[in-house]
Amino acid sequence: MSEVIHALARRDVSFGPEDIAVLAAGLESALTNLHIKNRNDPATTAVAKLIIQLARDGECDPTRLATRAIEIVRGSS
């Protein structure tokens, strides 16, 4: 699981352990699809923040989180 999502999501008390696992799965899927291998890359943090915002907006499925994040990063709405 991604340490980035854990560090960012832990700051938000609305996310429990199960939620963080969903966020981490969505993040890992998005990063793999975007070919971002370096988990210390600032792009990783940007995608993680995007995943968290999408979850705050109500999305709770890791596949849909990843898909939407990829669409936003690639500029297709």
N, C-alpha and C. Protein backbone atom coordinates (compact mmCIF):
# COMPACT_ATOMS: atom_id res chain seq x y z
N MET A 1 0.83 -1.19 0.00
CA MET A 1 0.00 0.00 0.00
C MET A 1 0.87 1.25 0.00
N SER A 2 0.31 2.29 -0.51
CA SER A 2 1.06 3.52 -0.68
C SER A 2 1.17 4.31 0.62
N GLU A 3 2.39 4.62 0.98
CA GLU A 3 2.62 5.43 2.18
C GLU A 3 2.10 6.84 1.98
N VAL A 4 2.12 7.32 0.74
CA VAL A 4 1.67 8.67 0.44
C VAL A 4 0.20 8.83 0.82
N ILE A 5 -0.63 7.91 0.40
CA ILE A 5 -2.06 8.02 0.69
C ILE A 5 -2.31 7.90 2.19
N HIS A 6 -1.55 7.04 2.84
CA HIS A 6 -1.70 6.89 4.30
C HIS A 6 -1.36 8.20 5.00
N ALA A 7 -0.27 8.82 4.62
CA ALA A 7 0.15 10.05 5.27
C ALA A 7 -0.86 11.17 5.04
N LEU A 8 -1.36 11.28 3.83
CA LEU A 8 -2.32 12.35 3.52
C LEU A 8 -3.69 12.07 4.12
N ALA A 9 -4.17 10.85 4.01
CA ALA A 9 -5.52 10.52 4.48
C ALA A 9 -5.62 10.52 6.00
N ARG A 10 -4.54 10.20 6.68
CA ARG A 10 -4.58 10.19 8.14
C ARG A 10 -4.87 11.56 8.71
N ARG A 11 -4.56 12.60 7.95
CA ARG A 11 -4.84 13.96 8.40
C ARG A 11 -6.33 14.27 8.39
N ASP A 12 -7.08 13.47 7.67
CA ASP A 12 -8.52 13.69 7.51
C ASP A 12 -9.27 12.67 8.36
N VAL A 13 -9.88 13.13 9.44
CA VAL A 13 -10.53 12.21 10.38
C VAL A 13 -11.75 11.51 9.79
N SER A 14 -12.22 11.94 8.63
CA SER A 14 -13.40 11.29 8.04
C SER A 14 -13.07 9.96 7.39
N PHE A 15 -11.78 9.63 7.24
CA PHE A 15 -11.38 8.38 6.62
C PHE A 15 -10.93 7.38 7.67
N GLY A 16 -11.58 6.22 7.70
CA GLY A 16 -11.19 5.14 8.58
C GLY A 16 -10.22 4.21 7.86
N PRO A 17 -9.75 3.17 8.53
CA PRO A 17 -8.80 2.23 7.93
C PRO A 17 -9.30 1.58 6.64
N GLU A 18 -10.59 1.24 6.59
CA GLU A 18 -11.13 0.62 5.38
C GLU A 18 -11.14 1.61 4.23
N ASP A 19 -11.49 2.86 4.55
CA ASP A 19 -11.50 3.91 3.52
C ASP A 19 -10.09 4.13 2.97
N ILE A 20 -9.12 4.16 3.85
CA ILE A 20 -7.73 4.37 3.42
C ILE A 20 -7.27 3.23 2.53
N ALA A 21 -7.70 2.02 2.82
CA ALA A 21 -7.35 0.88 1.97
C ALA A 21 -7.94 1.06 0.57
N VAL A 22 -9.17 1.56 0.48
CA VAL A 22 -9.80 1.83 -0.82
C VAL A 22 -9.03 2.91 -1.56
N LEU A 23 -8.69 3.99 -0.85
CA LEU A 23 -7.92 5.07 -1.46
C LEU A 23 -6.58 4.58 -1.97
N ALA A 24 -5.91 3.77 -1.17
CA ALA A 24 -4.60 3.24 -1.57
C ALA A 24 -4.72 2.36 -2.81
N ALA A 25 -5.76 1.54 -2.87
CA ALA A 25 -5.97 0.69 -4.04
C ALA A 25 -6.22 1.54 -5.29
N GLY A 26 -7.03 2.57 -5.15
CA GLY A 26 -7.30 3.46 -6.27
C GLY A 26 -6.04 4.18 -6.72
N LEU A 27 -5.26 4.63 -5.76
CA LEU A 27 -4.01 5.32 -6.08
C LEU A 27 -3.04 4.40 -6.81
N GLU A 28 -2.84 3.22 -6.29
CA GLU A 28 -1.91 2.29 -6.92
C GLU A 28 -2.33 1.97 -8.35
N SER A 29 -3.63 1.78 -8.56
CA SER A 29 -4.13 1.51 -9.89
C SER A 29 -3.89 2.69 -10.82
N ALA A 30 -4.18 3.90 -10.35
CA ALA A 30 -3.97 5.09 -11.17
C ALA A 30 -2.49 5.28 -11.50
N LEU A 31 -1.63 5.12 -10.51
CA LEU A 31 -0.20 5.29 -10.75
C LEU A 31 0.33 4.28 -11.75
N THR A 32 -0.12 3.05 -11.64
CA THR A 32 0.30 2.01 -12.59
C THR A 32 -0.14 2.39 -14.00
N ASN A 33 -1.39 2.80 -14.13
CA ASN A 33 -1.91 3.17 -15.45
C ASN A 33 -1.20 4.39 -16.02
N LEU A 34 -0.81 5.32 -15.17
CA LEU A 34 -0.11 6.52 -15.60
C LEU A 34 1.40 6.31 -15.75
N HIS A 35 1.85 5.11 -15.47
CA HIS A 35 3.28 4.73 -15.57
C HIS A 35 4.16 5.58 -14.64
N ILE A 36 3.64 5.88 -13.46
CA ILE A 36 4.42 6.59 -12.44
C ILE A 36 4.96 5.54 -11.49
N LYS A 37 6.25 5.28 -11.58
CA LYS A 37 6.86 4.22 -10.78
C LYS A 37 7.48 4.73 -9.49
N ASN A 38 7.98 5.95 -9.51
CA ASN A 38 8.65 6.52 -8.35
C ASN A 38 7.60 7.06 -7.39
N ARG A 39 7.43 6.39 -6.27
CA ARG A 39 6.43 6.80 -5.29
C ARG A 39 6.84 8.06 -4.54
N ASN A 40 8.08 8.54 -4.73
CA ASN A 40 8.52 9.79 -4.13
C ASN A 40 8.40 10.96 -5.10
N ASP A 41 7.92 10.69 -6.30
CA ASP A 41 7.72 11.71 -7.32
C ASP A 41 6.60 12.65 -6.89
N PRO A 42 6.76 13.96 -7.08
CA PRO A 42 5.67 14.88 -6.75
C PRO A 42 4.37 14.56 -7.48
N ALA A 43 4.45 13.92 -8.63
CA ALA A 43 3.24 13.51 -9.35
C ALA A 43 2.44 12.51 -8.52
N THR A 44 3.13 11.66 -7.77
CA THR A 44 2.45 10.69 -6.91
C THR A 44 1.61 11.41 -5.87
N THR A 45 2.19 12.43 -5.26
CA THR A 45 1.47 13.20 -4.25
C THR A 45 0.28 13.92 -4.87
N ALA A 46 0.46 14.46 -6.07
CA ALA A 46 -0.63 15.15 -6.75
C ALA A 46 -1.79 14.21 -7.04
N VAL A 47 -1.49 13.01 -7.52
CA VAL A 47 -2.54 12.03 -7.81
C VAL A 47 -3.20 11.58 -6.50
N ALA A 48 -2.43 11.41 -5.46
CA ALA A 48 -2.98 11.00 -4.16
C ALA A 48 -3.96 12.06 -3.64
N LYS A 49 -3.59 13.32 -3.76
CA LYS A 49 -4.49 14.40 -3.31
C LYS A 49 -5.76 14.42 -4.15
N LEU A 50 -5.63 14.14 -5.42
CA LEU A 50 -6.79 14.08 -6.30
C LEU A 50 -7.72 12.92 -5.89
N ILE A 51 -7.13 11.76 -5.62
CA ILE A 51 -7.91 10.59 -5.17
C ILE A 51 -8.66 10.93 -3.88
N ILE A 52 -7.99 11.58 -2.96
CA ILE A 52 -8.61 11.94 -1.69
C ILE A 52 -9.76 12.91 -1.92
N GLN A 53 -9.57 13.88 -2.80
CA GLN A 53 -10.65 14.83 -3.08
C GLN A 53 -11.84 14.14 -3.72
N LEU A 54 -11.58 13.24 -4.63
CA LEU A 54 -12.67 12.49 -5.26
C LEU A 54 -13.44 11.68 -4.21
N ALA A 55 -12.72 11.12 -3.25
CA ALA A 55 -13.38 10.37 -2.18
C ALA A 55 -14.19 11.31 -1.29
N ARG A 56 -13.65 12.47 -1.00
CA ARG A 56 -14.41 13.46 -0.21
C ARG A 56 -15.70 13.86 -0.93
N ASP A 57 -15.64 13.86 -2.26
CA ASP A 57 -16.81 14.22 -3.06
C ASP A 57 -17.81 13.07 -3.16
N GLY A 58 -17.47 11.91 -2.59
CA GLY A 58 -18.44 10.84 -2.50
C GLY A 58 -18.09 9.54 -3.20
N GLU A 59 -17.03 9.52 -3.99
CA GLU A 59 -16.67 8.27 -4.69
C GLU A 59 -15.99 7.32 -3.70
N CYS A 60 -16.43 6.07 -3.69
CA CYS A 60 -15.86 5.12 -2.74
C CYS A 60 -15.43 3.80 -3.38
N ASP A 61 -15.43 3.75 -4.71
CA ASP A 61 -14.99 2.56 -5.42
C ASP A 61 -13.58 2.79 -5.95
N PRO A 62 -12.63 1.91 -5.62
CA PRO A 62 -11.24 2.14 -6.04
C PRO A 62 -11.05 2.20 -7.55
N THR A 63 -11.82 1.41 -8.30
CA THR A 63 -11.69 1.42 -9.75
C THR A 63 -12.18 2.76 -10.31
N ARG A 64 -13.31 3.23 -9.82
CA ARG A 64 -13.83 4.51 -10.29
C ARG A 64 -12.95 5.67 -9.83
N LEU A 65 -12.38 5.57 -8.63
CA LEU A 65 -11.44 6.60 -8.18
C LEU A 65 -10.25 6.68 -9.13
N ALA A 66 -9.69 5.53 -9.46
CA ALA A 66 -8.53 5.50 -10.36
C ALA A 66 -8.89 6.02 -11.74
N THR A 67 -10.01 5.55 -12.27
CA THR A 67 -10.43 5.96 -13.61
C THR A 67 -10.64 7.47 -13.69
N ARG A 68 -11.34 8.01 -12.72
CA ARG A 68 -11.61 9.45 -12.73
C ARG A 68 -10.32 10.25 -12.56
N ALA A 69 -9.44 9.82 -11.68
CA ALA A 69 -8.17 10.52 -11.48
C ALA A 69 -7.34 10.51 -12.77
N ILE A 70 -7.32 9.38 -13.45
CA ILE A 70 -6.58 9.27 -14.72
C ILE A 70 -7.17 10.23 -15.75
N GLU A 71 -8.50 10.27 -15.84
CA GLU A 71 -9.15 11.17 -16.78
C GLU A 71 -8.79 12.63 -16.49
N ILE A 72 -8.79 12.99 -15.24
CA ILE A 72 -8.46 14.38 -14.86
C ILE A 72 -7.01 14.68 -15.19
N VAL A 73 -6.11 13.79 -14.84
CA VAL A 73 -4.68 14.01 -15.11
C VAL A 73 -4.42 14.13 -16.60
N ARG A 74 -5.08 13.31 -17.37
CA ARG A 74 -4.87 13.33 -18.83
C ARG A 74 -5.67 14.42 -19.52
N GLY A 75 -6.52 15.11 -18.77
CA GLY A 75 -7.25 16.24 -19.32
C GLY A 75 -8.52 15.90 -20.06
N SER A 76 -9.04 14.69 -19.84
CA SER A 76 -10.32 14.34 -20.48
C SER A 76 -11.38 14.24 -19.39
N SER A 77 -12.40 15.04 -19.52
CA SER A 77 -13.42 15.10 -18.48
C SER A 77 -14.41 14.01 -18.61
